[in-house]
Protein backbone atom coordinates (compact mmCIF):
# COMPACT_ATOMS: atom_id res chain seq x y z
CA MET A 1 79.53 78.96 82.84
CA SER A 2 81.96 81.87 82.73
CA THR A 3 82.62 85.46 83.70
CA VAL A 4 82.15 87.94 80.85
CA TYR A 5 84.15 91.18 80.97
CA VAL A 6 83.17 94.32 79.10
CA ALA A 7 85.50 97.35 78.99
CA ALA A 8 84.22 100.40 77.12
CA ASP A 9 84.37 104.18 77.30
CA ARG A 10 80.72 104.27 76.32
CA ALA A 11 78.37 101.39 75.48
CA ARG A 12 74.78 100.23 75.95
CA LEU A 13 73.61 96.77 77.05
CA THR A 14 70.28 95.78 75.48
CA LYS A 15 68.09 92.69 75.12
CA SER A 16 67.44 90.91 71.84
CA GLY A 17 65.27 87.80 72.17
CA GLN A 18 66.92 85.71 74.89
CA THR A 19 70.37 87.22 74.43
CA LEU A 20 72.13 90.35 75.62
CA VAL A 21 73.58 92.66 73.00
CA LEU A 22 76.30 95.16 73.81
CA LYS A 23 76.24 98.13 71.42
CA TYR A 24 79.40 100.26 71.22
CA GLU A 25 79.73 103.89 70.11
CA ASP A 26 81.25 102.85 66.77
CA ASN A 27 78.08 100.82 66.00
CA THR A 28 79.81 97.46 66.51
CA GLN A 29 78.01 94.86 68.61
CA ARG A 30 78.80 91.95 70.87
CA VAL A 31 76.33 89.19 71.75
CA ILE A 32 76.35 87.74 75.27
CA PHE A 33 74.55 84.45 75.94
CA PRO A 34 73.00 84.47 79.46
CA PHE A 35 72.87 80.66 79.77
CA ARG A 36 76.68 80.56 79.44
CA THR A 37 77.31 83.40 81.91
CA ASP A 38 77.44 83.37 85.70
CA GLN A 39 78.98 86.83 86.21
CA LEU A 40 79.16 90.02 84.17
CA VAL A 41 81.88 92.59 84.89
CA LEU A 42 81.27 96.03 83.36
CA ILE A 43 84.24 98.41 83.23
CA GLY A 44 83.56 102.01 82.21
CA ASN A 45 80.40 103.90 81.22
CA ILE A 46 77.95 101.19 80.20
CA ASP A 47 74.20 101.80 80.26
CA ILE A 48 71.76 98.92 80.87
CA THR A 49 68.23 98.99 79.47
CA THR A 50 65.34 97.77 81.62
CA PRO A 51 64.68 94.68 79.42
CA ALA A 52 68.38 93.76 79.65
CA LEU A 53 68.27 94.17 83.43
CA LYS A 54 65.22 91.90 83.63
CA LEU A 55 67.06 89.25 81.60
CA LEU A 56 70.02 89.47 84.00
CA MET A 57 67.58 89.04 86.89
CA HIS A 58 65.84 86.09 85.20
CA HIS A 59 69.15 84.24 84.77
CA GLN A 60 70.46 85.50 88.15
CA ILE A 61 73.69 86.80 86.65
CA ASP A 62 75.72 88.73 89.20
CA THR A 63 76.74 92.05 87.61
CA VAL A 64 79.80 93.96 88.85
CA PHE A 65 80.41 97.63 88.04
CA LEU A 66 83.99 98.96 87.93
CA ASN A 67 85.21 102.46 87.15
CA LYS A 68 87.49 103.08 84.16
CA ASN A 69 90.33 102.87 86.68
CA GLY A 70 89.25 99.38 87.76
CA LYS A 71 87.89 100.64 91.09
CA PHE A 72 84.87 98.75 92.42
CA ASN A 73 81.65 100.80 92.20
CA GLY A 74 79.00 98.27 93.19
CA LYS A 75 77.19 95.16 92.04
CA ILE A 76 73.88 93.44 91.54
CA THR A 77 73.92 90.03 93.20
CA PHE A 78 71.48 87.13 93.28
CA ASN A 79 73.49 84.63 95.33
CA ARG A 80 72.54 85.87 98.78
CA GLY A 81 72.42 82.86 101.05
CA LYS A 82 69.09 81.83 102.51
CA ASN A 83 70.64 79.87 105.38
CA ILE A 84 70.02 82.34 108.20
CA PHE A 85 71.19 79.75 110.74
CA LEU A 86 74.63 79.56 109.12
CA ARG A 87 74.92 83.35 109.14
CA LEU A 88 73.73 83.51 112.73
CA ARG A 89 76.49 81.08 113.69
CA GLN A 90 79.00 83.17 111.71
CA PHE A 91 77.96 86.32 113.58
CA ARG A 92 78.19 84.58 116.96
CA LEU A 93 81.69 83.33 116.16
CA LEU A 94 82.81 86.93 115.74
CA ASP A 95 82.57 87.22 119.53
CA ASP A 96 84.40 83.92 120.11
CA GLU A 97 87.91 85.20 120.82
CA LYS A 98 89.55 81.77 120.58
CA PHE A 99 87.96 80.99 117.20
CA SER A 100 88.59 84.47 115.78
CA LEU A 101 92.24 84.42 116.83
CA GLN A 102 92.70 80.94 115.36
CA MET A 103 91.18 82.13 112.06
CA ALA A 104 93.28 85.31 112.03
CA ARG A 105 96.50 83.33 112.62
CA ALA A 106 95.65 81.02 109.72
CA ILE A 107 94.90 83.91 107.35
CA ALA A 108 97.98 85.98 108.25
CA GLY A 109 100.26 82.93 108.26
CA GLY A 110 98.91 81.67 104.93
CA LYS A 111 99.55 84.98 103.22
CA ILE A 112 103.12 85.31 104.55
CA ARG A 113 103.96 81.70 103.59
CA ASN A 114 102.89 82.34 100.00
CA GLN A 115 104.92 85.55 99.92
CA LEU A 116 107.94 83.62 101.19
CA VAL A 117 107.58 80.95 98.50
CA PHE A 118 107.59 83.60 95.78
CA ALA A 119 110.45 85.50 97.46
CA GLN A 120 112.50 82.29 97.45
CA ARG A 121 111.84 81.87 93.72
CA ILE A 122 113.01 85.44 93.16
CA ARG A 123 116.18 84.71 95.15
CA ARG A 124 116.97 81.66 92.99
CA GLU A 125 116.60 83.77 89.83
CA ARG A 126 118.30 87.01 90.90
CA LYS A 127 120.62 86.03 93.79
CA ALA A 128 120.39 89.52 95.35
CA PRO A 129 121.73 89.73 98.94
CA GLU A 130 118.82 92.02 99.87
CA VAL A 131 116.35 89.27 98.98
CA THR A 132 118.13 86.72 101.20
CA GLN A 133 118.16 89.13 104.12
CA THR A 134 114.48 89.99 103.68
CA ILE A 135 113.49 86.31 103.54
CA GLY A 136 115.17 85.82 106.93
CA GLN A 137 113.24 88.75 108.40
CA MET A 138 109.95 87.47 106.99
CA ASN A 139 110.60 84.01 108.46
CA ASP A 140 111.08 85.66 111.87
CA LEU A 141 107.73 87.42 111.49
CA LEU A 142 106.03 84.17 110.46
CA LYS A 143 107.22 82.54 113.71
CA LYS A 144 105.75 85.44 115.68
CA VAL A 145 102.38 84.96 113.95
CA GLN A 146 101.92 81.62 115.71
CA GLU A 147 102.63 83.28 119.06
CA ALA A 148 100.50 86.43 118.59
CA ASP A 149 97.80 86.80 121.23
CA SER A 150 95.60 89.40 119.52
CA LYS A 151 94.25 90.25 116.08
CA GLU A 152 95.77 93.74 116.36
CA ARG A 153 99.19 92.13 116.82
CA LEU A 154 98.57 89.82 113.86
CA ARG A 155 97.58 92.73 111.63
CA GLY A 156 100.80 94.48 112.62
CA LEU A 157 102.90 91.42 111.78
CA GLU A 158 101.11 90.92 108.47
CA GLY A 159 101.65 94.59 107.59
CA SER A 160 105.36 94.38 108.45
CA ALA A 161 105.73 91.24 106.31
CA ALA A 162 103.96 92.96 103.40
CA ARG A 163 106.33 95.95 103.56
CA LEU A 164 109.34 93.62 103.54
CA TYR A 165 107.91 91.55 100.68
CA PHE A 166 107.17 94.58 98.51
CA SER A 167 110.63 95.99 99.22
CA ILE A 168 112.08 93.10 97.14
CA TYR A 169 109.19 92.58 94.71
CA LYS A 170 111.01 94.77 92.16
CA TYR A 171 113.52 91.93 91.67
CA ALA A 172 110.75 89.81 90.12
CA PHE A 173 110.87 91.96 86.96
CA LEU A 174 113.34 91.43 84.13
CA VAL A 175 112.43 94.44 81.97
CA ASP A 176 113.74 97.92 82.76
CA TRP A 177 110.47 99.72 82.06
CA ALA A 178 108.55 97.76 84.74
CA ASP A 179 108.35 100.45 87.42
CA PHE A 180 107.88 99.42 91.05
CA PRO A 181 109.30 101.92 93.56
CA GLY A 182 106.99 100.45 96.22
CA ARG A 183 103.33 99.60 96.71
CA SER A 184 100.98 102.49 95.94
CA MET A 185 97.22 102.63 95.42
CA ASN A 186 94.34 105.08 95.17
CA PRO A 187 95.78 106.01 92.72
CA PRO A 188 98.52 103.58 91.63
CA LYS A 189 101.71 105.54 90.94
CA SER A 190 103.43 103.12 88.55
CA ASN A 191 102.62 100.63 85.81
CA VAL A 192 103.26 97.59 88.04
CA ASN A 193 100.98 99.01 90.74
CA ALA A 194 98.27 99.61 88.13
CA VAL A 195 98.24 95.90 87.24
CA LEU A 196 98.43 94.73 90.86
CA SER A 197 95.49 96.91 91.94
CA PHE A 198 93.32 95.81 89.03
CA LEU A 199 94.03 92.12 89.62
CA TYR A 200 93.35 92.45 93.35
CA THR A 201 89.92 93.86 92.46
CA LEU A 202 89.19 90.91 90.16
CA ILE A 203 90.27 88.42 92.85
CA LYS A 204 88.13 90.10 95.50
CA ASN A 205 85.06 89.89 93.25
CA ARG A 206 85.68 86.16 92.64
CA VAL A 207 86.16 85.39 96.32
CA GLU A 208 83.14 87.44 97.38
CA ALA A 209 80.92 85.60 94.88
CA ALA A 210 82.20 82.22 96.13
CA LEU A 211 81.48 83.14 99.76
CA GLU A 212 77.96 84.28 98.93
CA THR A 213 77.32 81.08 96.97
CA GLU A 214 78.24 79.13 100.12
CA GLY A 215 75.75 81.18 102.14
CA LEU A 216 78.33 83.17 104.13
CA ASP A 217 78.13 86.88 104.87
CA PRO A 218 81.09 88.54 103.10
CA TYR A 219 81.04 91.48 105.55
CA ALA A 220 81.57 89.46 108.75
CA SER A 221 85.36 89.02 108.91
CA PHE A 222 87.72 87.36 111.39
CA PHE A 223 91.08 88.94 110.45
CA HIS A 224 90.29 92.31 108.88
CA ALA A 225 88.63 94.81 111.17
CA LEU A 226 84.87 95.10 110.82
CA ASN A 227 83.90 98.29 109.02
CA TYR A 228 80.73 99.74 107.54
CA GLY A 229 80.40 98.67 103.90
CA LYS A 230 83.63 96.64 103.89
CA VAL A 231 83.44 93.04 102.65
CA GLY A 232 85.96 91.99 105.29
CA LEU A 233 85.51 88.22 104.91
CA ALA A 234 86.23 88.51 101.18
CA PHE A 235 89.43 90.39 102.05
CA ASP A 236 90.21 87.68 104.62
CA MET A 237 90.00 84.85 102.11
CA MET A 238 91.58 86.65 99.17
CA GLU A 239 94.85 87.00 101.13
CA GLU A 240 95.85 83.44 100.20
CA PHE A 241 95.26 84.15 96.49
CA ARG A 242 97.14 87.45 96.13
CA VAL A 243 100.51 85.89 95.34
CA PRO A 244 99.50 83.19 92.81
CA LEU A 245 96.72 85.10 91.05
CA SER A 246 98.13 88.64 91.09
CA ASP A 247 101.76 89.07 92.18
CA MET A 248 103.17 86.16 90.16
CA LEU A 249 100.88 86.84 87.20
CA THR A 250 101.86 90.53 87.13
CA ALA A 251 105.55 89.63 86.91
CA SER A 252 104.83 87.19 84.07
CA LEU A 253 102.81 89.77 82.11
CA PHE A 254 105.81 92.12 82.06
CA ASN A 255 108.60 89.56 81.74
CA LEU A 256 107.00 87.60 78.89
CA GLY A 257 106.23 90.74 76.88
CA ILE A 258 102.47 90.32 77.13
CA LEU A 259 102.18 93.93 78.28
CA ASP A 260 104.13 96.79 76.73
CA GLU A 261 104.63 100.46 77.53
CA ASP A 262 101.70 101.50 75.33
CA ASP A 263 99.30 99.56 77.57
CA PHE A 264 99.47 102.28 80.24
CA ARG A 265 98.35 105.89 80.51
CA GLU A 266 98.83 108.75 82.93
CA VAL A 267 95.64 110.11 84.52
CA ASN A 268 94.92 113.06 86.79
CA PHE A 269 92.77 111.85 89.69
CA ARG A 270 90.66 114.46 91.51
CA SER A 271 88.31 114.31 94.47
CA ASP A 272 85.67 116.19 92.41
CA ASP A 273 85.89 113.82 89.41
CA ASP A 274 83.43 110.91 89.20
CA GLU A 275 85.53 109.10 86.57
CA PHE A 276 88.83 109.18 88.46
CA PRO A 277 87.87 109.94 92.06
CA LEU A 278 90.00 110.55 95.13
CA GLU A 279 88.96 110.87 98.75
CA MET A 280 88.56 114.45 99.98
CA GLU A 281 91.34 115.75 102.21
CA ILE A 282 90.22 116.64 105.74
CA VAL A 283 92.35 119.21 107.56
CA LYS A 284 91.73 120.91 110.88
CA GLU A 285 91.89 124.67 110.93
CA GLY A 286 90.90 126.08 114.29
CA ASP A 287 87.94 124.27 115.81
CA GLU A 288 86.29 123.22 112.55
CA PRO A 289 87.56 120.49 110.20
CA GLN A 290 87.84 121.64 106.60
CA ILE A 291 87.14 119.34 103.65
CA LEU A 292 89.44 120.23 100.77
CA PRO A 293 89.57 118.86 97.21
CA ARG A 294 92.81 117.28 96.12
CA SER A 295 94.37 115.86 92.98
CA SER A 296 97.07 113.33 92.18
CA VAL A 297 98.60 111.85 89.04
CA GLY A 298 98.21 108.07 88.69
CA ILE A 299 98.96 105.33 86.16
CA LEU A 300 96.21 103.15 84.70
CA LEU A 301 95.92 100.43 82.11
CA THR A 302 94.52 101.40 78.72
CA LYS A 303 91.49 99.55 77.37
CA LYS A 304 93.86 97.33 75.36
CA GLY A 305 95.95 96.73 78.48
CA LEU A 306 92.86 95.86 80.53
CA THR A 307 91.81 93.32 77.90
CA ARG A 308 95.24 91.67 77.97
CA VAL A 309 95.30 91.46 81.75
CA ILE A 310 91.76 90.07 81.91
CA THR A 311 92.52 87.44 79.24
CA HIS A 312 95.54 86.12 81.10
CA PHE A 313 93.79 86.32 84.49
CA GLU A 314 91.05 84.06 83.13
CA LYS A 315 93.68 81.70 81.71
CA ARG A 316 95.34 81.56 85.13
CA LEU A 317 91.99 80.75 86.75
CA GLU A 318 91.62 77.76 84.40
CA THR A 319 95.16 76.51 85.14
CA GLU A 320 95.11 73.19 87.00
CA ILE A 321 97.52 72.49 89.86
CA MET A 322 97.69 70.02 92.71
CA HIS A 323 95.88 71.38 95.74
CA PRO A 324 98.49 70.90 98.50
CA TRP A 325 96.24 69.41 101.14
CA ALA A 326 93.11 68.35 99.21
CA GLU A 327 95.54 66.10 97.27
CA ARG A 328 93.87 66.39 93.89
CA ARG A 329 94.24 68.53 90.82
CA MET A 330 91.98 71.56 90.49
CA SER A 331 91.87 74.78 88.54
CA TYR A 332 92.36 78.00 90.50
CA LYS A 333 88.68 78.75 89.84
CA GLN A 334 87.76 75.46 91.54
CA ILE A 335 90.20 76.10 94.38
CA ILE A 336 88.50 79.40 95.23
CA ARG A 337 85.16 77.58 95.48
CA TYR A 338 86.78 74.73 97.43
CA GLN A 339 88.28 77.14 99.96
CA ALA A 340 84.97 78.98 100.37
CA ARG A 341 83.25 75.65 100.99
CA HIS A 342 86.00 74.66 103.45
CA LEU A 343 85.51 77.96 105.31
CA ARG A 344 81.77 77.38 105.45
CA ARG A 345 82.32 73.92 106.93
CA VAL A 346 84.67 75.35 109.57
CA ILE A 347 82.13 78.01 110.51
CA SER A 348 79.30 75.47 110.64
CA GLY A 349 81.39 73.21 112.90
CA GLU A 350 81.78 70.37 110.38
CA GLU A 351 85.56 70.90 110.27
CA GLN A 352 87.79 72.13 113.07
CA TYR A 353 90.52 74.32 111.53
CA TYR A 354 90.73 76.54 108.49
CA GLN A 355 93.69 75.76 106.21
CA PRO A 356 94.49 78.50 103.69
CA PHE A 357 95.57 77.55 100.19
CA GLY A 358 99.35 77.52 99.84
CA ILE A 359 101.62 77.50 96.81
CA ARG A 360 104.79 75.41 96.55
């Protein structure tokens, strides 16, 4: 079973017998076999006929909709857990300050440790004094994580570590045209940020699907603040996968010449544009807030660039490594499922502590 990605400016998904057929504007077609597919990711303007939708429902294929810019629009899911007792326990643990703080420490600490491992690799390759100094500062923050007595404090430490990490991330790139002046999103302001943002979206979708398969509620988070419509638990668990599945992969895509300058395009994002949307700007004039449109130039991957990134993301997911504490070899795809299962066992009380996945 696999995830099938479709990127198109305009296409139509139809049913033919027991297969799905994707028809492009240039009259070319692509056949998708439902029995081989567990998730469908549609990027761009892709229509779905009613018979095709029924076939997706019959095979319970989760379908994710992304904008042309890789921004998550929504999804059809069939993996909603039926174990109400597990979810009830998960909701009750949100009010357990000791448990929530323990979980938050694990998540924040796991993310910073992975960032430190990659930063140390960068230092060995580039030997920049700034990198050495930043690693020392990040180590100091990691020590404070274990002493933090509130989730607000932990979020502050994690944010500080992220700013330090991204201040030296530029040293991971060996080609001059890889542009990373700092982390930017909504919209991404450089080619490196365009790849990072797209990969983070793909990781979040994978993690969310794994959590739902295990019967957990992806909205009920322990580290990220609860918010309406925010899949906070998916953001919690994806923190441990950002470095190996996005940050390191992004550097490789540039350094190994897999991506080139033609794989990116400049786009004008506007708050009144459905294709490339921005949030409205709210300003206060007098007693009444005013909602104003705004625009901003961003950098996105082209369709060819998206295809290259997706191909190598899927290859990375199939890469087998030794899980550091499970003590057996697994692919990254299996590790995501393993960690979701581990989290479910911690929430159900079968295991005591959550251990985030760590790279070496």
